């Protein structure tokens, strides 16, 4: 059985429940650095950490609900290509559009 994992609300990757609190501030810092390098029309508002108020009987948060909200938040960071409609992170969209037909 796999250990419990949480999804980062910024990048959408899975991290262990102990390391997610270390990863998220670093990921947000990296997100800001990359966002500042983008052209003004591709810059996005800062992603907000989703709040999930589903608490189980034992007082623990519902990991599945947290992961679902984080996954949706990460997917909302993607930008569609004007030509083909596929979605990309803003910095990858620039590279994609150079070869999209």
N, C-alpha and C. Protein backbone atom coordinates (compact mmCIF):
# COMPACT_ATOMS: atom_id res chain seq x y z
N UNK A 1 0.84 -1.18 0.00
CA UNK A 1 0.00 0.00 0.00
C UNK A 1 0.89 1.25 0.00
N UNK A 2 0.51 2.21 -0.83
CA UNK A 2 1.25 3.47 -0.91
C UNK A 2 0.98 4.32 0.32
N UNK A 3 2.01 5.05 0.77
CA UNK A 3 1.77 5.99 1.88
C UNK A 3 0.85 7.12 1.41
N UNK A 4 0.15 7.75 2.35
CA UNK A 4 -0.76 8.83 1.95
C UNK A 4 0.01 9.98 1.30
N UNK A 5 -0.58 10.53 0.26
CA UNK A 5 0.04 11.63 -0.47
C UNK A 5 -0.96 12.75 -0.63
N UNK A 6 -0.42 13.95 -0.75
CA UNK A 6 -1.24 15.13 -0.97
C UNK A 6 -0.81 15.79 -2.27
N UNK A 7 -1.75 16.41 -2.95
CA UNK A 7 -1.47 17.09 -4.21
C UNK A 7 -1.21 18.56 -3.94
N UNK A 8 -0.15 19.07 -4.54
CA UNK A 8 0.17 20.49 -4.42
C UNK A 8 -0.85 21.31 -5.22
N UNK A 9 -1.42 22.32 -4.58
CA UNK A 9 -2.43 23.14 -5.25
C UNK A 9 -1.83 24.05 -6.32
N UNK A 10 -0.49 24.16 -6.35
CA UNK A 10 0.15 25.04 -7.32
C UNK A 10 0.58 24.26 -8.56
N UNK A 11 1.33 23.17 -8.35
CA UNK A 11 1.89 22.44 -9.49
C UNK A 11 1.15 21.16 -9.82
N UNK A 12 0.32 20.65 -8.93
CA UNK A 12 -0.47 19.45 -9.20
C UNK A 12 0.27 18.14 -8.98
N UNK A 13 1.47 18.18 -8.44
CA UNK A 13 2.23 16.96 -8.18
C UNK A 13 1.92 16.43 -6.79
N UNK A 14 2.15 15.12 -6.62
CA UNK A 14 1.90 14.49 -5.34
C UNK A 14 3.13 14.55 -4.44
N UNK A 15 2.90 14.79 -3.16
CA UNK A 15 3.96 14.82 -2.16
C UNK A 15 3.45 14.12 -0.91
N UNK A 16 4.37 13.59 -0.14
CA UNK A 16 4.00 12.96 1.12
C UNK A 16 3.38 13.97 2.07
N UNK A 17 2.60 13.46 3.01
CA UNK A 17 1.90 14.36 3.93
C UNK A 17 2.87 15.15 4.81
N UNK A 18 4.07 14.64 5.02
CA UNK A 18 5.07 15.37 5.82
C UNK A 18 5.80 16.42 4.98
N UNK A 19 6.03 16.14 3.70
CA UNK A 19 6.85 17.05 2.88
C UNK A 19 6.03 18.11 2.15
N UNK A 20 4.71 17.99 2.11
CA UNK A 20 3.90 18.98 1.39
C UNK A 20 4.04 20.36 2.03
N UNK A 21 4.18 20.42 3.35
CA UNK A 21 4.31 21.72 4.02
C UNK A 21 5.66 22.38 3.71
N UNK A 22 6.66 21.59 3.35
CA UNK A 22 7.96 22.12 2.94
C UNK A 22 7.90 22.54 1.47
N UNK A 23 7.22 21.72 0.66
CA UNK A 23 7.17 21.95 -0.79
C UNK A 23 6.37 23.20 -1.15
N UNK A 24 5.19 23.39 -0.57
CA UNK A 24 4.28 24.46 -1.01
C UNK A 24 4.90 25.86 -0.97
N UNK A 25 5.59 26.28 0.11
CA UNK A 25 6.21 27.63 0.08
C UNK A 25 7.27 27.75 -1.01
N UNK A 26 8.05 26.69 -1.22
CA UNK A 26 9.08 26.72 -2.26
C UNK A 26 8.43 26.77 -3.65
N UNK A 27 7.36 26.02 -3.82
CA UNK A 27 6.66 25.99 -5.10
C UNK A 27 6.03 27.36 -5.40
N UNK A 28 5.47 27.99 -4.38
CA UNK A 28 4.86 29.31 -4.57
C UNK A 28 5.92 30.35 -4.92
N UNK A 29 7.08 30.26 -4.28
CA UNK A 29 8.18 31.17 -4.61
C UNK A 29 8.61 30.99 -6.07
N UNK A 30 8.75 29.74 -6.50
CA UNK A 30 9.11 29.44 -7.88
C UNK A 30 8.02 29.94 -8.83
N UNK A 31 6.76 29.76 -8.45
CA UNK A 31 5.64 30.21 -9.28
C UNK A 31 5.74 31.73 -9.49
N UNK A 32 6.03 32.48 -8.42
CA UNK A 32 6.16 33.93 -8.54
C UNK A 32 7.30 34.32 -9.48
N UNK A 33 8.44 33.63 -9.35
CA UNK A 33 9.58 33.93 -10.21
C UNK A 33 9.23 33.69 -11.68
N UNK A 34 8.57 32.58 -11.96
CA UNK A 34 8.21 32.26 -13.35
C UNK A 34 7.12 33.19 -13.86
N UNK A 35 6.16 33.52 -13.02
CA UNK A 35 5.06 34.40 -13.42
C UNK A 35 5.58 35.79 -13.75
N UNK A 36 6.57 36.28 -12.99
CA UNK A 36 7.12 37.61 -13.23
C UNK A 36 7.88 37.69 -14.56
N UNK A 37 8.37 36.56 -15.06
CA UNK A 37 9.10 36.53 -16.33
C UNK A 37 8.18 36.52 -17.54
N UNK A 38 6.90 36.20 -17.34
CA UNK A 38 5.96 36.08 -18.45
C UNK A 38 5.56 37.44 -19.00
N UNK A 39 5.14 37.49 -20.28
CA UNK A 39 4.56 38.72 -20.81
C UNK A 39 3.30 39.09 -20.01
N UNK A 40 2.99 40.37 -19.94
CA UNK A 40 1.88 40.82 -19.10
C UNK A 40 0.55 40.11 -19.41
N UNK A 41 0.29 39.80 -20.68
CA UNK A 41 -1.00 39.18 -21.02
C UNK A 41 -1.10 37.72 -20.57
N UNK A 42 0.00 37.09 -20.21
CA UNK A 42 -0.02 35.70 -19.75
C UNK A 42 0.13 35.58 -18.23
N UNK A 43 0.36 36.68 -17.54
CA UNK A 43 0.52 36.61 -16.09
C UNK A 43 -0.81 36.26 -15.44
N UNK A 44 -0.72 35.45 -14.41
CA UNK A 44 -1.91 34.95 -13.73
C UNK A 44 -1.96 35.48 -12.30
N UNK A 45 -3.15 35.55 -11.70
CA UNK A 45 -3.22 35.91 -10.28
C UNK A 45 -2.64 34.77 -9.44
N UNK A 46 -2.15 35.11 -8.27
CA UNK A 46 -1.54 34.11 -7.39
C UNK A 46 -2.56 33.03 -7.04
N UNK A 47 -2.17 31.75 -7.15
CA UNK A 47 -3.11 30.69 -6.78
C UNK A 47 -3.38 30.71 -5.28
N UNK A 48 -4.61 30.52 -4.91
CA UNK A 48 -4.99 30.51 -3.50
C UNK A 48 -5.16 29.06 -3.05
N UNK A 49 -4.67 28.79 -1.85
CA UNK A 49 -4.79 27.44 -1.30
C UNK A 49 -6.26 27.16 -1.03
N UNK A 50 -6.78 26.06 -1.59
CA UNK A 50 -8.21 25.75 -1.39
C UNK A 50 -8.47 25.38 0.07
N UNK A 51 -9.59 25.82 0.57
CA UNK A 51 -9.98 25.48 1.93
C UNK A 51 -11.07 24.43 1.86
N UNK A 52 -10.83 23.32 2.55
CA UNK A 52 -11.81 22.23 2.59
C UNK A 52 -12.21 22.05 4.04
N UNK A 53 -13.50 22.13 4.29
CA UNK A 53 -13.97 22.05 5.67
C UNK A 53 -14.57 20.69 6.00
N UNK A 54 -14.33 19.69 5.15
CA UNK A 54 -14.84 18.35 5.42
C UNK A 54 -13.99 17.70 6.51
N UNK A 55 -14.54 17.54 7.69
CA UNK A 55 -13.80 16.91 8.78
C UNK A 55 -14.51 15.62 9.14
N UNK A 56 -13.74 14.55 9.20
CA UNK A 56 -14.31 13.24 9.51
C UNK A 56 -14.60 13.14 11.00
N UNK A 57 -15.23 12.07 11.40
CA UNK A 57 -15.64 11.88 12.78
C UNK A 57 -14.48 11.93 13.77
N UNK A 58 -13.31 11.45 13.38
CA UNK A 58 -12.16 11.42 14.29
C UNK A 58 -11.42 12.75 14.35
N UNK A 59 -11.90 13.77 13.65
CA UNK A 59 -11.27 15.07 13.68
C UNK A 59 -10.22 15.29 12.61
N UNK A 60 -10.05 14.34 11.71
CA UNK A 60 -9.08 14.47 10.63
C UNK A 60 -9.74 15.07 9.40
N UNK A 61 -8.95 15.78 8.60
CA UNK A 61 -9.46 16.31 7.34
C UNK A 61 -9.61 15.17 6.35
N UNK A 62 -10.54 15.29 5.45
CA UNK A 62 -10.76 14.30 4.40
C UNK A 62 -9.68 14.48 3.33
N UNK A 63 -8.72 13.56 3.28
CA UNK A 63 -7.59 13.67 2.36
C UNK A 63 -8.05 13.68 0.91
N UNK A 64 -9.07 12.88 0.59
CA UNK A 64 -9.57 12.85 -0.80
C UNK A 64 -10.17 14.20 -1.20
N UNK A 65 -10.90 14.83 -0.29
CA UNK A 65 -11.49 16.14 -0.59
C UNK A 65 -10.40 17.20 -0.75
N UNK A 66 -9.37 17.14 0.10
CA UNK A 66 -8.26 18.08 -0.02
C UNK A 66 -7.55 17.91 -1.35
N UNK A 67 -7.30 16.65 -1.72
CA UNK A 67 -6.61 16.39 -2.98
C UNK A 67 -7.44 16.80 -4.19
N UNK A 68 -8.73 16.60 -4.13
CA UNK A 68 -9.61 17.00 -5.23
C UNK A 68 -9.58 18.52 -5.41
N UNK A 69 -9.67 19.25 -4.31
CA UNK A 69 -9.64 20.71 -4.37
C UNK A 69 -8.29 21.21 -4.87
N UNK A 70 -7.20 20.57 -4.43
CA UNK A 70 -5.86 20.97 -4.87
C UNK A 70 -5.67 20.67 -6.35
N UNK A 71 -6.18 19.53 -6.82
CA UNK A 71 -6.07 19.17 -8.24
C UNK A 71 -6.81 20.19 -9.11
N UNK A 72 -8.00 20.56 -8.71
CA UNK A 72 -8.79 21.55 -9.45
C UNK A 72 -8.05 22.89 -9.49
N UNK A 73 -7.47 23.29 -8.36
CA UNK A 73 -6.71 24.53 -8.30
C UNK A 73 -5.52 24.49 -9.26
N UNK A 74 -4.80 23.36 -9.28
CA UNK A 74 -3.65 23.24 -10.18
C UNK A 74 -4.09 23.27 -11.64
N UNK A 75 -5.21 22.64 -11.97
CA UNK A 75 -5.70 22.63 -13.34
C UNK A 75 -6.17 24.01 -13.78
N UNK A 76 -6.64 24.82 -12.84
CA UNK A 76 -7.06 26.19 -13.15
C UNK A 76 -5.90 27.09 -13.52
N UNK A 77 -4.67 26.66 -13.23
CA UNK A 77 -3.49 27.44 -13.57
C UNK A 77 -3.14 27.31 -15.06
N UNK A 78 -3.71 26.31 -15.74
CA UNK A 78 -3.39 26.07 -17.13
C UNK A 78 -4.08 27.07 -18.05
N UNK A 79 -3.40 27.41 -19.15
CA UNK A 79 -3.90 28.39 -20.11
C UNK A 79 -4.11 27.69 -21.45
N UNK A 80 -5.28 27.89 -22.12
CA UNK A 80 -5.50 27.23 -23.41
C UNK A 80 -4.74 27.91 -24.56
N UNK A 81 -4.31 27.10 -25.50
CA UNK A 81 -3.68 27.61 -26.72
C UNK A 81 -4.77 28.21 -27.61
N UNK A 82 -4.50 29.38 -28.17
CA UNK A 82 -5.47 30.04 -29.05
C UNK A 82 -5.69 29.28 -30.34
N UNK A 83 -4.73 28.45 -30.74
CA UNK A 83 -4.80 27.76 -32.01
C UNK A 83 -5.48 26.39 -31.89
N UNK A 84 -4.98 25.55 -30.95
CA UNK A 84 -5.49 24.18 -30.86
C UNK A 84 -6.37 23.92 -29.65
N UNK A 85 -6.34 24.79 -28.66
CA UNK A 85 -7.20 24.63 -27.50
C UNK A 85 -6.60 23.80 -26.37
N UNK A 86 -5.46 23.15 -26.59
CA UNK A 86 -4.82 22.39 -25.51
C UNK A 86 -4.39 23.34 -24.41
N UNK A 87 -4.31 22.84 -23.18
CA UNK A 87 -3.94 23.70 -22.07
C UNK A 87 -2.51 23.43 -21.62
N UNK A 88 -1.84 24.51 -21.21
CA UNK A 88 -0.45 24.45 -20.80
C UNK A 88 -0.22 25.41 -19.65
N UNK A 89 0.88 25.20 -18.93
CA UNK A 89 1.33 26.22 -18.00
C UNK A 89 1.76 27.42 -18.84
N UNK A 90 1.58 28.63 -18.34
CA UNK A 90 1.84 29.82 -19.16
C UNK A 90 3.24 29.86 -19.78
N UNK A 91 4.27 29.43 -19.06
CA UNK A 91 5.60 29.47 -19.64
C UNK A 91 5.79 28.44 -20.73
N UNK A 92 5.07 27.34 -20.67
CA UNK A 92 5.14 26.30 -21.70
C UNK A 92 4.27 26.64 -22.91
N UNK A 93 3.25 27.48 -22.71
CA UNK A 93 2.39 27.88 -23.82
C UNK A 93 3.19 28.64 -24.87
N UNK A 94 4.11 29.49 -24.43
CA UNK A 94 4.93 30.26 -25.36
C UNK A 94 5.73 29.32 -26.26
N UNK A 95 6.32 28.29 -25.67
CA UNK A 95 7.10 27.32 -26.44
C UNK A 95 6.19 26.54 -27.40
N UNK A 96 5.02 26.13 -26.90
CA UNK A 96 4.08 25.36 -27.73
C UNK A 96 3.61 26.15 -28.94
N UNK A 97 3.28 27.42 -28.73
CA UNK A 97 2.71 28.22 -29.81
C UNK A 97 3.70 28.44 -30.96
N UNK A 98 5.00 28.30 -30.69
CA UNK A 98 5.97 28.46 -31.76
C UNK A 98 5.88 27.34 -32.78
N UNK A 99 5.37 26.17 -32.37
CA UNK A 99 5.29 25.04 -33.30
C UNK A 99 3.86 24.57 -33.55
N UNK A 100 2.86 25.22 -32.96
CA UNK A 100 1.47 24.78 -33.14
C UNK A 100 0.96 25.18 -34.52
N UNK A 101 0.29 24.25 -35.17
CA UNK A 101 -0.25 24.53 -36.51
C UNK A 101 -1.76 24.48 -36.50
